[in-house]
C-alpha atoms as a PDB file:
ATOM      1  CA  ILE A   1     170.492 -21.690 212.588  1.00  0.00           C
ATOM      2  CA  ASP A   2     168.631 -24.617 214.107  1.00  0.00           C
ATOM      3  CA  PRO A   3     170.761 -27.819 214.135  1.00  0.00           C
ATOM      4  CA  ASP A   4     167.559 -29.878 213.870  1.00  0.00           C
ATOM      5  CA  THR A   5     166.819 -28.509 210.399  1.00  0.00           C
ATOM      6  CA  PHE A   6     169.866 -26.446 209.325  1.00  0.00           C
ATOM      7  CA  GLY A   7     167.306 -23.683 208.713  1.00  0.00           C
ATOM      8  CA  SER A   8     166.334 -20.562 210.617  1.00  0.00           C
ATOM      9  CA  SER A   9     166.013 -20.897 214.386  1.00  0.00           C
ATOM     10  CA  PRO A  10     162.733 -19.673 215.949  1.00  0.00           C
ATOM     11  CA  ILE A  11     164.492 -19.199 219.294  1.00  0.00           C
ATOM     12  CA  THR A  12     167.155 -16.895 217.847  1.00  0.00           C
ATOM     13  CA  ILE A  13     164.575 -15.033 215.768  1.00  0.00           C
ATOM     14  CA  GLU A  14     162.408 -14.296 218.799  1.00  0.00           C
ATOM     15  CA  ASN A  15     165.416 -13.157 220.817  1.00  0.00           C
ATOM     16  CA  SER A  16     166.526 -10.854 217.982  1.00  0.00           C
ATOM     17  CA  ILE A  17     163.279  -8.899 217.574  1.00  0.00           C
ATOM     18  CA  THR A  18     163.392  -5.201 218.444  1.00  0.00           C
ATOM     19  CA  GLY A  19     161.031  -2.303 217.947  1.00  0.00           C
ATOM     20  CA  ASN A  20     162.729  -1.685 214.592  1.00  0.00           C
ATOM     21  CA  THR A  21     162.114  -5.184 213.186  1.00  0.00           C
ATOM     22  CA  LYS A  22     160.128  -4.976 209.941  1.00  0.00           C
ATOM     23  CA  MET A  23     160.457  -8.493 208.575  1.00  0.00           C
ATOM     24  CA  ILE A  24     161.367 -12.047 209.539  1.00  0.00           C
ATOM     25  CA  VAL A  25     163.112 -14.081 206.847  1.00  0.00           C
ATOM     26  CA  ALA A  26     162.719 -17.807 207.500  1.00  0.00           C
ATOM     27  CA  GLN A  27     165.085 -19.967 205.461  1.00  0.00           C
ATOM     28  CA  HIS A  28     164.465 -23.619 204.569  1.00  0.00           C
ATOM     29  CA  SER A  29     167.780 -25.394 203.896  1.00  0.00           C
ATOM     30  CA  PHE A  30     168.825 -28.386 201.751  1.00  0.00           C
ATOM     31  CA  GLY A  31     165.169 -29.293 201.042  1.00  0.00           C
ATOM     32  CA  ILE A  32     164.343 -29.448 204.764  1.00  0.00           C
ATOM     33  CA  PRO A  33     161.479 -27.246 206.048  1.00  0.00           C
ATOM     34  CA  CYS A  34     162.581 -25.125 208.995  1.00  0.00           C
ATOM     35  CA  LYS A  35     160.327 -24.802 212.065  1.00  0.00           C
ATOM     36  CA  ILE A  36     158.188 -22.428 210.064  1.00  0.00           C
ATOM     37  CA  ASP A  37     155.032 -23.014 212.127  1.00  0.00           C
ATOM     38  CA  GLU A  38     156.784 -21.657 215.224  1.00  0.00           C
ATOM     39  CA  ILE A  39     158.306 -18.768 213.275  1.00  0.00           C
ATOM     40  CA  VAL A  40     154.929 -17.766 211.825  1.00  0.00           C
ATOM     41  CA  GLU A  41     153.451 -17.700 215.340  1.00  0.00           C
ATOM     42  CA  ILE A  42     156.278 -15.393 216.431  1.00  0.00           C
ATOM     43  CA  GLY A  43     155.488 -13.130 213.479  1.00  0.00           C
ATOM     44  CA  LYS A  44     151.777 -13.038 214.275  1.00  0.00           C
ATOM     45  CA  LYS A  45     152.386 -12.369 217.954  1.00  0.00           C
ATOM     46  CA  ASN A  46     154.649  -9.426 217.130  1.00  0.00           C
ATOM     47  CA  LYS A  47     152.715  -8.321 214.008  1.00  0.00           C
ATOM     48  CA  ILE A  48     155.784  -8.733 211.800  1.00  0.00           C
ATOM     49  CA  PHE A  49     155.758  -9.747 208.132  1.00  0.00           C
ATOM     50  CA  VAL A  50     157.162 -13.272 207.574  1.00  0.00           C
ATOM     51  CA  LEU A  51     158.976 -14.002 204.311  1.00  0.00           C
ATOM     52  CA  GLU A  52     159.854 -17.624 203.561  1.00  0.00           C
ATOM     53  CA  ASP A  53     163.196 -18.132 201.818  1.00  0.00           C
ATOM     54  CA  CYS A  54     162.529 -21.239 199.721  1.00  0.00           C
ATOM     55  CA  ALA A  55     165.580 -20.790 197.495  1.00  0.00           C
ATOM     56  CA  ILE A  56     166.929 -24.270 198.237  1.00  0.00           C
ATOM     57  CA  THR A  57     163.734 -26.046 199.299  1.00  0.00           C
ATOM     58  CA  PHE A  58     160.929 -26.748 196.850  1.00  0.00           C
ATOM     59  CA  ASP A  59     157.757 -28.857 197.305  1.00  0.00           C
ATOM     60  CA  SER A  60     158.688 -30.133 200.777  1.00  0.00           C
ATOM     61  CA  THR A  61     155.927 -30.093 203.387  1.00  0.00           C
ATOM     62  CA  LEU A  62     155.358 -29.634 207.111  1.00  0.00           C
ATOM     63  CA  ASP A  63     152.095 -31.184 208.331  1.00  0.00           C
ATOM     64  CA  GLY A  64     151.054 -31.574 204.694  1.00  0.00           C
ATOM     65  CA  ILE A  65     151.451 -27.856 203.919  1.00  0.00           C
ATOM     66  CA  LYS A  66     154.084 -27.016 201.310  1.00  0.00           C
ATOM     67  CA  VAL A  67     156.845 -24.551 202.061  1.00  0.00           C
ATOM     68  CA  GLY A  68     155.954 -21.115 200.745  1.00  0.00           C
ATOM     69  CA  ASN A  69     152.373 -21.345 202.025  1.00  0.00           C
ATOM     70  CA  TRP A  70     153.119 -20.571 205.676  1.00  0.00           C
ATOM     71  CA  GLY A  71     154.367 -16.992 205.655  1.00  0.00           C
ATOM     72  CA  ASP A  72     152.992 -13.764 204.192  1.00  0.00           C
ATOM     73  CA  ALA A  73     155.069 -14.321 201.055  1.00  0.00           C
ATOM     74  CA  ALA A  74     157.800 -16.597 199.762  1.00  0.00           C
ATOM     75  CA  ILE A  75     160.787 -16.263 197.451  1.00  0.00           C
ATOM     76  CA  PHE A  76     162.052 -19.128 195.306  1.00  0.00           C
ATOM     77  CA  SER A  77     165.326 -19.197 193.397  1.00  0.00           C
ATOM     78  CA  CYS A  78     165.893 -20.863 190.032  1.00  0.00           C
ATOM     79  CA  ASP A  79     169.655 -20.391 190.054  1.00  0.00           C
ATOM     80  CA  HIS A  80     171.628 -23.269 188.521  1.00  0.00           C
ATOM     81  CA  SER A  81     172.346 -24.767 191.962  1.00  0.00           C
ATOM     82  CA  LYS A  82     168.715 -24.755 193.101  1.00  0.00           C
ATOM     83  CA  PRO A  83     165.899 -27.369 192.928  1.00  0.00           C
ATOM     84  CA  ILE A  84     164.399 -25.868 189.748  1.00  0.00           C
ATOM     85  CA  ASN A  85     167.186 -24.824 187.370  1.00  0.00           C
ATOM     86  CA  SER A  86     166.691 -21.958 184.920  1.00  0.00           C
ATOM     87  CA  LEU A  87     170.346 -20.881 185.320  1.00  0.00           C
ATOM     88  CA  ILE A  88     169.427 -17.587 187.042  1.00  0.00           C
ATOM     89  CA  GLY A  89     166.278 -15.948 188.357  1.00  0.00           C
ATOM     90  CA  GLY A  90     163.474 -16.848 190.672  1.00  0.00           C
ATOM     91  CA  PHE A  91     159.879 -16.114 191.562  1.00  0.00           C
ATOM     92  CA  ILE A  92     157.796 -14.656 194.353  1.00  0.00           C
ATOM     93  CA  TYR A  93     154.652 -16.255 195.741  1.00  0.00           C
ATOM     94  CA  THR A  94     151.971 -14.683 197.907  1.00  0.00           C
ATOM     95  CA  THR A  95     148.231 -14.932 198.513  1.00  0.00           C
ATOM     96  CA  ASN A  96     148.156 -11.239 199.497  1.00  0.00           C
ATOM     97  CA  ILE A  97     146.429  -9.642 196.494  1.00  0.00           C
ATOM     98  CA  GLU A  98     147.580  -6.110 197.342  1.00  0.00           C
ATOM     99  CA  LEU A  99     151.215  -7.240 197.578  1.00  0.00           C
ATOM    100  CA  HIS A 100     150.843  -9.318 194.419  1.00  0.00           C
ATOM    101  CA  ASN A 101     149.605  -6.313 192.437  1.00  0.00           C
ATOM    102  CA  LYS A 102     152.406  -4.101 193.763  1.00  0.00           C
ATOM    103  CA  ILE A 103     155.018  -6.641 192.702  1.00  0.00           C
ATOM    104  CA  LYS A 104     153.497  -6.928 189.208  1.00  0.00           C
ATOM    105  CA  LEU A 105     153.557  -3.148 188.857  1.00  0.00           C
ATOM    106  CA  TYR A 106     157.154  -3.012 190.073  1.00  0.00           C
ATOM    107  CA  LYS A 107     158.164  -5.706 187.578  1.00  0.00           C
ATOM    108  CA  LYS A 108     156.873  -3.622 184.665  1.00  0.00           C
ATOM    109  CA  ASN A 109     159.343  -0.874 185.467  1.00  0.00           C
ATOM    110  CA  ILE A 110     162.541  -2.922 185.833  1.00  0.00           C
ATOM    111  CA  HIS A 111     165.026  -3.424 183.014  1.00  0.00           C
ATOM    112  CA  ASP A 112     165.954  -6.330 180.796  1.00  0.00           C
ATOM    113  CA  LEU A 113     169.467  -7.669 180.754  1.00  0.00           C
ATOM    114  CA  THR A 114     171.393  -6.537 177.681  1.00  0.00           C
ATOM    115  CA  LYS A 115     171.439  -8.747 174.589  1.00  0.00           C
ATOM    116  CA  ASP A 116     175.145  -9.413 175.141  1.00  0.00           C
ATOM    117  CA  HIS A 117     174.443 -10.503 178.708  1.00  0.00           C
ATOM    118  CA  GLN A 118     171.655 -12.778 177.505  1.00  0.00           C
ATOM    119  CA  LYS A 119     174.037 -14.305 174.933  1.00  0.00           C
ATOM    120  CA  ARG A 120     176.526 -15.011 177.721  1.00  0.00           C
ATOM    121  CA  LEU A 121     173.771 -16.730 179.691  1.00  0.00           C
ATOM    122  CA  PHE A 122     172.751 -18.843 176.691  1.00  0.00           C
ATOM    123  CA  ASN A 123     176.346 -19.909 176.080  1.00  0.00           C
ATOM    124  CA  ARG A 124     176.664 -20.705 179.791  1.00  0.00           C
ATOM    125  CA  PHE A 125     173.531 -22.862 179.567  1.00  0.00           C
ATOM    126  CA  LEU A 126     175.078 -24.829 176.680  1.00  0.00           C
ATOM    127  CA  PHE A 127     178.346 -25.188 178.602  1.00  0.00           C
ATOM    128  CA  GLU A 128     176.696 -26.491 181.799  1.00  0.00           C
ATOM    129  CA  ARG A 129     174.467 -28.843 179.848  1.00  0.00           C
ATOM    130  CA  LYS A 130     177.599 -30.432 178.371  1.00  0.00           C
ATOM    131  CA  TYR A 131     179.992 -30.373 181.326  1.00  0.00           C
ATOM    132  CA  TYR A 132     177.973 -30.153 184.559  1.00  0.00           C
ATOM    133  CA  ASN A 133     177.687 -33.884 185.189  1.00  0.00           C
ATOM    134  CA  PRO A 134     179.987 -36.117 187.252  1.00  0.00           C
ATOM    135  CA  SER A 135     181.855 -37.587 184.266  1.00  0.00           C
ATOM    136  CA  LYS A 136     182.877 -34.211 182.783  1.00  0.00           C
ATOM    137  CA  TYR A 137     182.703 -31.883 185.777  1.00  0.00           C
ATOM    138  CA  GLY A 138     186.453 -31.802 186.387  1.00  0.00           C
ATOM    139  CA  LEU A 139     187.114 -30.935 182.752  1.00  0.00           C
ATOM    140  CA  GLY A 140     184.469 -28.207 182.902  1.00  0.00           C
ATOM    141  CA  ARG A 141     186.019 -26.660 186.011  1.00  0.00           C
ATOM    142  CA  MET A 142     189.421 -26.664 184.295  1.00  0.00           C
ATOM    143  CA  PHE A 143     187.960 -24.795 181.301  1.00  0.00           C
ATOM    144  CA  GLU A 144     186.357 -22.287 183.696  1.00  0.00           C
ATOM    145  CA  PHE A 145     189.654 -21.706 185.493  1.00  0.00           C
ATOM    146  CA  ILE A 146     191.494 -21.056 182.228  1.00  0.00           C
ATOM    147  CA  SER A 147     188.712 -18.784 180.977  1.00  0.00           C
ATOM    148  CA  ASN A 148     188.800 -16.705 184.161  1.00  0.00           C
ATOM    149  CA  LYS A 149     192.587 -16.345 183.943  1.00  0.00           C
ATOM    150  CA  ILE A 150     192.549 -15.028 180.374  1.00  0.00           C
ATOM    151  CA  SER A 151     189.443 -12.858 180.739  1.00  0.00           C
ATOM    152  CA  PHE A 152     190.308  -9.248 179.879  1.00  0.00           C
ATOM    153  CA  ASN A 153     187.094  -7.649 181.199  1.00  0.00           C
ATOM    154  CA  LYS A 154     186.334  -8.687 184.766  1.00  0.00           C
ATOM    155  CA  ASN A 155     183.112  -6.658 184.758  1.00  0.00           C
ATOM    156  CA  LEU A 156     181.428  -8.826 182.113  1.00  0.00           C
ATOM    157  CA  TYR A 157     179.456 -10.950 184.554  1.00  0.00           C
ATOM    158  CA  THR A 158     177.333 -13.870 183.402  1.00  0.00           C
ATOM    159  CA  PHE A 159     175.645 -14.560 186.716  1.00  0.00           C
ATOM    160  CA  LEU A 160     174.373 -11.672 188.836  1.00  0.00           C
ATOM    161  CA  GLU A 161     177.254 -11.850 191.289  1.00  0.00           C
ATOM    162  CA  ALA A 162     178.773  -8.371 191.547  1.00  0.00           C
ATOM    163  CA  ASP A 163     178.002  -8.118 195.253  1.00  0.00           C
ATOM    164  CA  TYR A 164     180.599 -10.246 197.022  1.00  0.00           C
ATOM    165  CA  THR A 165     181.962  -7.202 198.846  1.00  0.00           C
ATOM    166  CA  LYS A 166     180.206  -4.249 200.417  1.00  0.00           C
ATOM    167  CA  ASN A 167     180.885  -1.728 197.657  1.00  0.00           C
ATOM    168  CA  SER A 168     181.610  -3.890 194.628  1.00  0.00           C
ATOM    169  CA  PHE A 169     178.200  -3.637 192.964  1.00  0.00           C
ATOM    170  CA  ASN A 170     178.071   0.148 193.232  1.00  0.00           C
ATOM    171  CA  GLU A 171     181.576   0.273 191.788  1.00  0.00           C
ATOM    172  CA  THR A 172     180.835  -1.850 188.735  1.00  0.00           C
ATOM    173  CA  MET A 173     177.139  -1.348 187.912  1.00  0.00           C
ATOM    174  CA  SER A 174     177.666  -3.838 185.111  1.00  0.00           C
ATOM    175  CA  TYR A 175     174.029  -4.929 184.865  1.00  0.00           C
ATOM    176  CA  PRO A 176     170.593  -3.820 186.093  1.00  0.00           C
ATOM    177  CA  TYR A 177     169.417  -5.394 189.316  1.00  0.00           C
ATOM    178  CA  PRO A 178     166.729  -6.492 189.806  1.00  0.00           C
ATOM    179  CA  ALA A 179     166.271  -7.426 186.152  1.00  0.00           C
ATOM    180  CA  LYS A 180     163.604  -9.245 184.181  1.00  0.00           C
ATOM    181  CA  LEU A 181     164.180 -12.951 183.609  1.00  0.00           C
ATOM    182  CA  PRO A 182     165.033 -13.523 179.916  1.00  0.00           C
ATOM    183  CA  ALA A 183     162.228 -15.314 178.071  1.00  0.00           C
ATOM    184  CA  PHE A 184     164.358 -18.296 177.028  1.00  0.00           C
ATOM    185  CA  LEU A 185     165.295 -18.943 180.665  1.00  0.00           C
ATOM    186  CA  ALA A 186     161.666 -18.608 181.760  1.00  0.00           C
ATOM    187  CA  GLN A 187     160.820 -21.266 179.157  1.00  0.00           C
ATOM    188  CA  LEU A 188     163.595 -23.447 180.548  1.00  0.00           C
ATOM    189  CA  GLY A 189     161.987 -23.102 183.987  1.00  0.00           C
ATOM    190  CA  LEU A 190     158.655 -24.258 182.570  1.00  0.00           C
ATOM    191  CA  TYR A 191     160.349 -27.334 181.100  1.00  0.00           C
ATOM    192  CA  GLU A 192     161.839 -28.012 184.536  1.00  0.00           C
ATOM    193  CA  LEU A 193     158.392 -27.864 186.135  1.00  0.00           C
ATOM    194  CA  LYS A 194     156.959 -30.276 183.565  1.00  0.00           C
ATOM    195  CA  ARG A 195     159.506 -32.919 184.522  1.00  0.00           C
ATOM    196  CA  TRP A 196     159.379 -32.179 188.242  1.00  0.00           C
ATOM    197  CA  LYS A 197     157.086 -35.060 189.221  1.00  0.00           C
ATOM    198  CA  GLU A 198     159.551 -37.696 188.042  1.00  0.00           C
ATOM    199  CA  GLU A 199     162.563 -35.669 189.163  1.00  0.00           C
ATOM    200  CA  LYS A 200     161.413 -35.343 192.774  1.00  0.00           C
ATOM    201  CA  LYS A 201     160.658 -39.085 192.882  1.00  0.00           C
ATOM    202  CA  ARG A 202     164.225 -39.819 191.782  1.00  0.00           C
ATOM    203  CA  ARG A 203     165.716 -37.407 194.315  1.00  0.00           C
ATOM    204  CA  LYS A 204     163.702 -38.969 197.143  1.00  0.00           C
ATOM    205  CA  ASN A 205     164.837 -42.467 196.162  1.00  0.00           C
ATOM    206  CA  ILE A 206     168.487 -41.373 196.068  1.00  0.00           C
ATOM    207  CA  PHE A 207     168.056 -39.595 199.415  1.00  0.00           C
ATOM    208  CA  ASN A 208     166.587 -42.723 201.010  1.00  0.00           C
ATOM    209  CA  ASN A 209     169.545 -44.766 199.740  1.00  0.00           C
ATOM    210  CA  TYR A 210     171.932 -42.276 201.376  1.00  0.00           C
ATOM    211  CA  LEU A 211     169.892 -42.349 204.575  1.00  0.00           C
ATOM    212  CA  ASN A 212     169.952 -46.158 204.742  1.00  0.00           C
ATOM    213  CA  LEU A 213     173.714 -46.180 204.208  1.00  0.00           C
ATOM    214  CA  ALA A 214     174.257 -43.534 206.895  1.00  0.00           C
ATOM    215  CA  ASN A 215     172.321 -45.673 209.363  1.00  0.00           C
ATOM    216  CA  LYS A 216     174.432 -48.732 208.457  1.00  0.00           C
ATOM    217  CA  LEU A 217     177.608 -46.719 208.981  1.00  0.00           C
ATOM    218  CA  GLY A 218     176.466 -45.690 212.466  1.00  0.00           C
ATOM    219  CA  LEU A 219     175.944 -42.048 211.558  1.00  0.00           C
ATOM    220  CA  LYS A 220     172.355 -41.687 212.753  1.00  0.00           C
ATOM    221  CA  LYS A 221     173.300 -39.589 215.803  1.00  0.00           C
ATOM    222  CA  TYR A 222     174.988 -37.049 213.514  1.00  0.00           C
ATOM    223  CA  LEU A 223     172.012 -36.682 211.154  1.00  0.00           C
ATOM    224  CA  PRO A 224     169.562 -33.788 211.627  1.00  0.00           C
ATOM    225  CA  PHE A 225     166.451 -34.603 213.646  1.00  0.00           C
ATOM    226  CA  ALA A 226     164.371 -33.428 210.686  1.00  0.00           C
ATOM    227  CA  TYR A 227     165.267 -36.597 208.762  1.00  0.00           C
ATOM    228  CA  PHE A 228     163.269 -38.618 211.277  1.00  0.00           C
ATOM    229  CA  ASP A 229     160.428 -36.155 211.938  1.00  0.00           C
ATOM    230  CA  PRO A 230     157.120 -37.753 210.803  1.00  0.00           C
ATOM    231  CA  ARG A 231     155.605 -34.269 210.307  1.00  0.00           C
ATOM    232  CA  LEU A 232     157.968 -33.606 207.406  1.00  0.00           C
ATOM    233  CA  ASN A 233     157.960 -34.744 203.802  1.00  0.00           C
ATOM    234  CA  ILE A 234     161.381 -33.744 202.499  1.00  0.00           C
ATOM    235  CA  ILE A 235     162.099 -33.328 198.795  1.00  0.00           C
ATOM    236  CA  PRO A 236     165.883 -33.277 199.125  1.00  0.00           C
ATOM    237  CA  LEU A 237     168.332 -31.025 197.343  1.00  0.00           C
ATOM    238  CA  ARG A 238     171.412 -32.256 199.233  1.00  0.00           C
ATOM    239  CA  PHE A 239     172.075 -34.914 201.848  1.00  0.00           C
ATOM    240  CA  VAL A 240     173.505 -33.198 204.914  1.00  0.00           C
ATOM    241  CA  PHE A 241     174.853 -33.885 208.388  1.00  0.00           C
ATOM    242  CA  SER A 242     177.505 -32.479 210.709  1.00  0.00           C
ATOM    243  CA  HIS A 243     180.325 -34.494 212.248  1.00  0.00           C
ATOM    244  CA  PRO A 244     182.986 -33.456 214.800  1.00  0.00           C
ATOM    245  CA  ASN A 245     185.656 -35.240 212.708  1.00  0.00           C
ATOM    246  CA  SER A 246     184.584 -33.704 209.416  1.00  0.00           C
ATOM    247  CA  ASP A 247     188.151 -32.715 208.497  1.00  0.00           C
ATOM    248  CA  VAL A 248     189.254 -36.354 208.618  1.00  0.00           C
ATOM    249  CA  ILE A 249     186.181 -37.455 206.671  1.00  0.00           C
ATOM    250  CA  LYS A 250     186.818 -34.851 203.982  1.00  0.00           C
ATOM    251  CA  VAL A 251     190.330 -36.177 203.458  1.00  0.00           C
ATOM    252  CA  LYS A 252     188.950 -39.695 203.000  1.00  0.00           C
ATOM    253  CA  MET A 253     186.260 -38.484 200.591  1.00  0.00           C
ATOM    254  CA  PHE A 254     188.542 -36.186 198.609  1.00  0.00           C
ATOM    255  CA  ASN A 255     189.395 -38.742 195.906  1.00  0.00           C
ATOM    256  CA  PHE A 256     185.803 -39.310 194.802  1.00  0.00           C
ATOM    257  CA  ILE A 257     183.827 -36.166 195.700  1.00  0.00           C
ATOM    258  CA  ASN A 258     184.566 -32.437 195.562  1.00  0.00           C
ATOM    259  CA  VAL A 259     184.653 -31.698 199.293  1.00  0.00           C
ATOM    260  CA  ASN A 260     185.485 -28.054 198.539  1.00  0.00           C
ATOM    261  CA  SER A 261     181.927 -27.724 197.236  1.00  0.00           C
ATOM    262  CA  PHE A 262     180.266 -28.603 200.540  1.00  0.00           C
ATOM    263  CA  TRP A 263     177.701 -25.883 201.211  1.00  0.00           C
ATOM    264  CA  PHE A 264     177.530 -23.378 204.076  1.00  0.00           C
ATOM    265  CA  THR A 265     180.906 -23.846 205.711  1.00  0.00           C
ATOM    266  CA  LYS A 266     180.587 -20.314 207.121  1.00  0.00           C
ATOM    267  CA  PRO A 267     177.642 -18.051 208.077  1.00  0.00           C
ATOM    268  CA  ILE A 268     177.901 -15.887 204.928  1.00  0.00           C
ATOM    269  CA  ILE A 269     179.001 -17.587 201.719  1.00  0.00           C
ATOM    270  CA  CYS A 270     179.823 -15.863 198.419  1.00  0.00           C
ATOM    271  CA  SER A 271     181.702 -13.148 200.277  1.00  0.00           C
ATOM    272  CA  ASN A 272     185.360 -12.258 200.096  1.00  0.00           C
ATOM    273  CA  ASP A 273     185.291 -11.257 203.758  1.00  0.00           C
ATOM    274  CA  MET A 274     182.258 -11.717 206.026  1.00  0.00           C
ATOM    275  CA  LYS A 275     183.390  -8.785 208.183  1.00  0.00           C
ATOM    276  CA  ASP A 276     183.331  -6.558 205.094  1.00  0.00           C
ATOM    277  CA  LEU A 277     179.596  -7.267 204.862  1.00  0.00           C
ATOM    278  CA  GLY A 278     179.044  -6.389 208.518  1.00  0.00           C
ATOM    279  CA  TYR A 279     179.275  -9.826 210.089  1.00  0.00           C
ATOM    280  CA  LYS A 280     180.649  -9.958 213.625  1.00  0.00           C
ATOM    281  CA  ILE A 281     182.581 -13.115 214.472  1.00  0.00           C
ATOM    282  CA  GLY A 282     180.826 -14.917 217.320  1.00  0.00           C
ATOM    283  CA  SER A 283     177.394 -13.420 216.604  1.00  0.00           C
ATOM    284  CA  CYS A 284     176.077 -16.702 215.147  1.00  0.00           C
ATOM    285  CA  PRO A 285     177.943 -19.336 217.194  1.00  0.00           C
ATOM    286  CA  ILE A 286     175.791 -22.298 216.147  1.00  0.00           C
ATOM    287  CA  SER A 287     176.208 -21.471 212.457  1.00  0.00           C
ATOM    288  CA  GLU A 288     179.961 -21.035 212.897  1.00  0.00           C
ATOM    289  CA  LYS A 289     180.266 -24.398 214.703  1.00  0.00           C
ATOM    290  CA  VAL A 290     178.067 -26.309 212.268  1.00  0.00           C
ATOM    291  CA  GLY A 291     179.885 -24.750 209.315  1.00  0.00           C
ATOM    292  CA  LYS A 292     183.171 -26.224 210.496  1.00  0.00           C
ATOM    293  CA  GLU A 293     181.589 -29.691 210.840  1.00  0.00           C
ATOM    294  CA  ILE A 294     179.143 -29.778 207.925  1.00  0.00           C
ATOM    295  CA  ILE A 295     179.179 -32.478 205.257  1.00  0.00           C
ATOM    296  CA  ASN A 296     176.762 -32.463 202.327  1.00  0.00           C
ATOM    297  CA  TRP A 297     176.475 -33.634 198.753  1.00  0.00           C
ATOM    298  CA  PRO A 298     173.791 -33.443 196.050  1.00  0.00           C
ATOM    299  CA  CYS A 299     170.736 -35.635 195.568  1.00  0.00           C
ATOM    300  CA  VAL A 300     170.278 -34.391 192.012  1.00  0.00           C
ATOM    301  CA  ILE A 301     172.609 -36.778 190.172  1.00  0.00           C
ATOM    302  CA  ASP A 302     171.593 -39.776 188.059  1.00  0.00           C
ATOM    303  CA  TYR A 303     171.044 -43.193 189.632  1.00  0.00           C
ATOM    304  CA  SER A 304     174.213 -44.591 188.065  1.00  0.00           C
ATOM    305  CA  TYR A 305     176.405 -41.927 189.665  1.00  0.00           C
ATOM    306  CA  SER A 306     174.596 -42.083 193.010  1.00  0.00           C
ATOM    307  CA  ASN A 307     175.094 -45.862 193.105  1.00  0.00           C
ATOM    308  CA  ARG A 308     178.781 -45.360 192.371  1.00  0.00           C
ATOM    309  CA  LEU A 309     178.965 -42.800 195.186  1.00  0.00           C
ATOM    310  CA  LEU A 310     177.222 -45.212 197.562  1.00  0.00           C
ATOM    311  CA  GLY A 311     179.834 -47.828 196.781  1.00  0.00           C
ATOM    312  CA  LYS A 312     182.657 -45.377 197.523  1.00  0.00           C
ATOM    313  CA  LEU A 313     181.048 -44.220 200.772  1.00  0.00           C
ATOM    314  CA  GLN A 314     180.719 -47.781 202.037  1.00  0.00           C
ATOM    315  CA  LYS A 315     184.504 -48.091 201.899  1.00  0.00           C
ATOM    316  CA  VAL A 316     185.074 -44.909 203.936  1.00  0.00           C
ATOM    317  CA  ASN A 317     185.702 -45.691 207.589  1.00  0.00           C
ATOM    318  CA  ILE A 318     183.820 -42.811 209.258  1.00  0.00           C
END
């Protein structure tokens, strides 16, 4: 990764290209555009397809151009932890008409999730709507822990997550993948888009409050360069920085924020064992180092909770 953006590194990408390279995947992280202009030039020079991974960055811009418009195509996620929340799912964007038509044809032939699976998703939506806020989050996590302990059928997934080990999905085959997005979740996504204008304004205001506090606390040198790059307009998902004393900071923050939920503390998350998925320790040294030092928290909470968090952070001697 590139420490300036926490996204894909153009230098590493260029050094990794071989005669067998078919695609470059350029990831934008935490709402921050990666150096996508440089990556696109590398793709053009080598005649390689560039796919933008916009799963956790939506509506941010580089030089006035929104992420997703730089590469040959872009993928966006609408998972419940992403900028637009439809619980699961996502969408693909491209201006390549031939590719667009192929994807539409492919979509016609994929399966729906079963009715039972869709019921589980609907019940999950109701659960998160009630408990996934700062005041009830701890109670919700306790209910989840108890539910997982007493679950008799481990293969009844709600989210599409049967791929945390190399062979697990082939062993379970508990749902079709890819699958069509259920209609009620697609409608939820449309509601999310309708309220996006006000939502992104709120997230930017909260982000700026965090940024001002970080500067007051003397943390500017630990913040990513992207936060001060005039070419970028960042619609934040999480506020992020890396600090050499992150372990000490986490202990201080433990009483008022779930430090175990900091994102990307290792190169491959959602895996029982990175080596099981083919990762070689030492192959991504920057990612490994940053993962050990990374600190991040959401910009998607209400003003009242963000103000409370600001007050707590001011008392932490970083």
